[in-house]
Protein backbone atom coordinates (compact mmCIF):
# COMPACT_ATOMS: atom_id res chain seq x y z
CA MET A 1 116.85 87.19 241.85
CA SER A 2 118.86 83.99 242.23
CA THR A 3 119.51 82.00 239.05
CA ARG A 4 120.35 78.35 238.54
CA ASP A 5 124.02 79.27 238.16
CA ASP A 6 123.92 81.01 241.55
CA GLN A 7 122.71 77.93 243.41
CA GLY A 8 125.07 76.28 245.85
CA LEU A 9 128.15 77.51 247.67
CA SER A 10 130.67 79.86 246.05
CA LEU A 11 133.99 81.22 247.28
CA HIS A 12 135.17 84.47 245.73
CA HIS A 13 138.86 85.46 245.87
CA ILE A 14 139.45 84.17 249.40
CA THR A 15 142.74 85.27 250.98
CA VAL A 16 143.91 84.25 254.46
CA ARG A 17 147.09 85.30 256.24
CA PHE A 18 148.40 84.00 259.55
CA GLY A 19 150.99 86.60 260.49
CA GLY A 20 153.53 86.52 257.67
CA LEU A 21 152.19 83.24 256.25
CA LEU A 22 149.91 83.45 253.23
CA ALA A 23 147.68 80.42 253.86
CA LEU A 24 145.19 81.03 251.04
CA ASP A 25 145.96 83.25 248.06
CA ASP A 26 142.99 84.46 245.98
CA VAL A 27 141.04 81.18 245.99
CA SER A 28 137.74 80.99 244.12
CA LEU A 29 135.53 77.92 243.82
CA ARG A 30 131.92 77.13 242.96
CA VAL A 31 130.32 74.07 244.54
CA PRO A 32 127.13 73.33 242.58
CA PRO A 33 124.22 71.40 244.12
CA LYS A 34 124.46 67.59 244.10
CA LYS A 35 128.04 67.61 242.80
CA VAL A 36 131.17 66.13 244.40
CA VAL A 37 133.99 68.67 244.46
CA GLY A 38 137.45 67.66 245.66
CA ILE A 39 140.18 69.85 247.13
CA ILE A 40 143.65 68.36 246.93
CA GLY A 41 147.25 69.46 247.32
CA PRO A 42 150.46 68.63 249.18
CA ASN A 43 150.67 68.93 252.96
CA GLY A 44 150.38 72.56 253.99
CA ALA A 45 148.61 73.56 250.77
CA GLY A 46 145.72 75.23 252.63
CA LYS A 47 143.01 72.58 252.22
CA THR A 48 141.86 72.46 255.84
CA THR A 49 142.19 76.24 256.13
CA LEU A 50 139.72 76.54 253.25
CA PHE A 51 137.33 74.22 255.09
CA ASN A 52 137.73 76.33 258.22
CA VAL A 53 136.85 79.49 256.26
CA ILE A 54 133.66 77.85 254.98
CA CYS A 55 132.75 76.78 258.52
CA GLY A 56 133.46 80.19 260.04
CA PHE A 57 136.42 79.13 262.18
CA VAL A 58 138.77 81.34 260.16
CA ALA A 59 137.87 84.80 258.87
CA PRO A 60 139.49 85.70 255.54
CA GLN A 61 141.32 88.99 255.15
CA ALA A 62 139.88 89.36 251.65
CA GLY A 63 137.18 87.76 249.55
CA ALA A 64 133.58 86.72 250.11
CA ILE A 65 131.31 83.68 250.31
CA THR A 66 127.88 83.39 248.75
CA LEU A 67 125.21 80.77 249.34
CA ASP A 68 122.57 80.49 246.62
CA GLY A 69 123.79 83.80 245.21
CA ARG A 70 123.43 85.73 248.46
CA PRO A 71 126.30 87.06 250.58
CA TRP A 72 126.93 84.68 253.48
CA ARG A 73 129.08 85.08 256.55
CA PRO A 74 129.44 81.62 258.11
CA ARG A 75 129.25 81.00 261.84
CA PRO A 76 130.14 77.58 263.31
CA HIS A 77 126.97 77.42 265.41
CA HIS A 78 124.78 78.32 262.42
CA LEU A 79 126.06 75.66 260.01
CA ARG A 80 123.32 73.15 260.71
CA ARG A 81 120.53 75.63 260.10
CA HIS A 82 122.08 76.27 256.68
CA GLY A 83 122.23 72.53 255.99
CA ILE A 84 126.00 72.12 256.27
CA ALA A 85 127.66 69.19 258.07
CA ARG A 86 131.36 68.45 258.44
CA THR A 87 133.43 65.49 259.51
CA LEU A 88 136.84 65.89 261.14
CA GLN A 89 140.18 64.44 260.04
CA GLY A 90 140.15 62.10 263.01
CA VAL A 91 137.20 61.08 265.17
CA GLY A 92 135.75 63.61 267.58
CA GLN A 93 133.17 61.54 269.42
CA PHE A 94 132.12 61.91 273.05
CA GLY A 95 133.60 58.98 274.98
CA GLY A 96 130.96 58.98 277.71
CA MET A 97 128.06 58.66 275.27
CA THR A 98 126.97 55.67 273.23
CA VAL A 99 127.37 55.56 269.48
CA LEU A 100 123.67 56.29 269.05
CA GLU A 101 123.79 59.19 271.50
CA ASN A 102 126.77 60.65 269.65
CA VAL A 103 124.84 60.62 266.39
CA GLN A 104 121.73 62.02 268.06
CA VAL A 105 123.48 65.18 269.28
CA GLY A 106 121.58 68.15 267.86
CA LEU A 107 118.88 65.99 266.23
CA LYS A 108 115.19 66.05 267.04
CA ASN A 109 114.40 62.66 265.56
CA GLN A 110 116.09 59.57 267.02
CA GLN A 111 115.02 57.54 264.01
CA ASP A 112 117.19 59.73 261.75
CA ALA A 113 120.20 58.84 263.89
CA TYR A 114 119.52 55.12 263.75
CA ALA A 115 118.85 55.26 260.01
CA ALA A 116 122.22 56.97 259.49
CA LEU A 117 123.96 54.26 261.51
CA GLU A 118 122.27 51.63 259.36
CA ARG A 119 123.34 53.46 256.21
CA CYS A 120 126.93 53.43 257.46
CA GLY A 121 126.84 49.78 258.50
CA VAL A 122 127.25 50.31 262.25
CA ALA A 123 123.67 50.11 263.56
CA ASP A 124 124.65 46.97 265.47
CA GLN A 125 127.06 49.13 267.51
CA ALA A 126 124.40 51.68 268.54
CA ARG A 127 124.63 50.85 272.26
CA ALA A 128 128.42 50.54 272.33
CA TYR A 129 130.77 53.33 273.37
CA PRO A 130 133.06 54.77 270.69
CA GLY A 131 136.22 53.82 272.58
CA MET A 132 135.22 50.15 272.31
CA LEU A 133 135.26 50.24 268.49
CA PRO A 134 138.14 49.85 266.03
CA TYR A 135 139.19 53.01 264.23
CA ALA A 136 137.48 52.13 260.94
CA LYS A 137 134.14 51.67 262.75
CA ARG A 138 134.58 54.99 264.53
CA LYS A 139 135.10 56.67 261.16
CA ARG A 140 131.79 55.19 260.05
CA VAL A 141 130.15 56.63 263.17
CA GLU A 142 131.61 60.04 262.29
CA LEU A 143 130.07 59.79 258.82
CA ALA A 144 126.75 58.67 260.28
CA ARG A 145 126.70 61.70 262.57
CA ALA A 146 127.14 64.02 259.58
CA LEU A 147 124.60 62.20 257.41
CA ALA A 148 121.98 62.09 260.17
CA ALA A 149 121.61 65.86 259.85
CA LYS A 150 120.49 65.33 256.23
CA PRO A 151 122.81 68.11 255.03
CA ARG A 152 122.52 69.92 251.73
CA ILE A 153 126.34 70.22 251.80
CA LEU A 154 128.46 67.45 253.30
CA MET A 155 132.06 68.46 254.02
CA LEU A 156 134.43 65.50 254.36
CA ASP A 157 137.90 66.26 255.75
CA GLU A 158 140.16 63.30 254.89
CA PRO A 159 137.48 60.65 255.52
CA ALA A 160 139.69 57.85 254.16
CA GLY A 161 142.52 58.48 256.62
CA GLY A 162 143.41 55.27 258.45
CA LEU A 163 141.07 53.10 256.37
CA GLY A 164 141.98 49.96 254.45
CA THR A 165 141.23 49.21 250.81
CA ASP A 166 137.83 47.61 251.47
CA GLU A 167 136.73 50.48 253.70
CA ILE A 168 137.81 53.05 251.11
CA GLY A 169 135.78 51.20 248.49
CA TRP A 170 132.76 51.35 250.79
CA LEU A 171 133.37 55.06 251.37
CA ALA A 172 133.49 55.72 247.62
CA ASP A 173 130.10 54.04 247.20
CA LEU A 174 128.66 56.07 250.09
CA ILE A 175 129.83 59.36 248.54
CA ARG A 176 128.46 58.44 245.11
CA GLU A 177 125.08 57.55 246.61
CA ALA A 178 124.89 60.45 249.07
CA ASP A 179 122.38 62.42 246.93
CA THR A 180 123.76 65.68 248.29
CA THR A 181 126.52 68.17 247.59
CA VAL A 182 129.89 66.86 248.79
CA LEU A 183 133.04 68.89 249.38
CA LEU A 184 135.95 66.48 249.82
CA VAL A 185 139.48 67.05 251.13
CA GLU A 186 141.47 63.86 250.67
CA HIS A 187 144.98 62.47 250.13
CA HIS A 188 143.86 59.16 248.62
CA MET A 189 143.98 60.03 244.94
CA ASP A 190 142.20 56.88 243.78
CA LEU A 191 139.21 57.88 245.89
CA VAL A 192 139.27 61.49 244.71
CA MET A 193 139.55 60.55 241.05
CA SER A 194 136.76 57.98 241.28
CA VAL A 195 134.09 60.11 243.00
CA CYS A 196 134.70 63.79 242.14
CA ASP A 197 133.01 65.75 239.37
CA GLU A 198 135.53 68.58 239.72
CA ILE A 199 138.80 69.02 241.60
CA LEU A 200 140.58 72.13 242.88
CA VAL A 201 144.34 71.81 243.41
CA LEU A 202 146.08 74.07 245.92
CA ASP A 203 149.82 74.56 246.37
CA PHE A 204 151.13 76.82 249.15
CA GLY A 205 147.63 78.30 249.38
CA LYS A 206 147.40 79.20 245.71
CA PRO A 207 144.99 77.55 243.25
CA ILE A 208 147.04 75.98 240.46
CA ALA A 209 144.42 73.85 238.69
CA LEU A 210 140.66 73.34 238.52
CA GLY A 211 139.00 70.75 236.34
CA SER A 212 137.65 67.26 235.89
CA PRO A 213 139.57 64.25 237.24
CA GLY A 214 140.90 63.58 233.73
CA GLU A 215 142.14 67.13 233.34
CA ILE A 216 143.77 67.16 236.78
CA ARG A 217 145.42 63.79 236.23
CA THR A 218 147.28 65.07 233.14
CA ASP A 219 148.04 68.62 234.31
CA PRO A 220 151.84 69.14 234.53
CA LYS A 221 151.44 71.83 237.23
CA VAL A 222 149.76 69.28 239.47
CA ALA A 223 152.52 66.74 238.95
CA GLU A 224 155.10 69.40 239.73
CA ALA A 225 153.33 70.38 242.96
CA TYR A 226 153.25 66.78 244.16
CA LEU A 227 156.55 65.52 242.83
CA GLY A 228 158.69 68.64 242.81
CA ALA A 229 159.39 68.37 239.08
CA ALA A 230 157.34 68.69 235.92
CA ALA A 231 155.92 65.43 234.62
């Protein structure tokens, strides 16, 4: 029987190798419902690989995933039925479809798509084509597409990339008000520290710290991973 502590997504001792490269080394993480959990680390730390394991694009050589306490083997085409939505590092929209049509892909209710565009401040661009929009607007469309699915787990892969200060502030508010579980990979530390309940730090695929923003901010192992020397 599933308990409250079992609820949500959990990774158990995940290990991934690509040939001789150890991309993830015994990574465990619990993502409780309605919490914002960040994954940070230097370039090449394994952050996106971890996302790809959760989405079923990469199969780990060791470890397991559970969802609500039950063993779960993710498949990319089954994510939506499990209530999981993911944004990409860039923008992956279909150029020959309008903004609204892009958000509608896979949805049964057109009103959900338009509501998501309104929530992301781009409803006035519904009939435009993505290629006509500036990058920051296209990022908002990407977020709207994920939110329109009303996911139980929203996976954001560097959503602040290419955004200015005002846009990042808007993004922080959106994450805080999302009323869903959020798993965030991000390089903008101000954003991570302001929205996350818990943060996992990876370095060369190995977990080196897990804790609250305050704990991570003062952890010497984290400073060493980012700066190359102990703080």
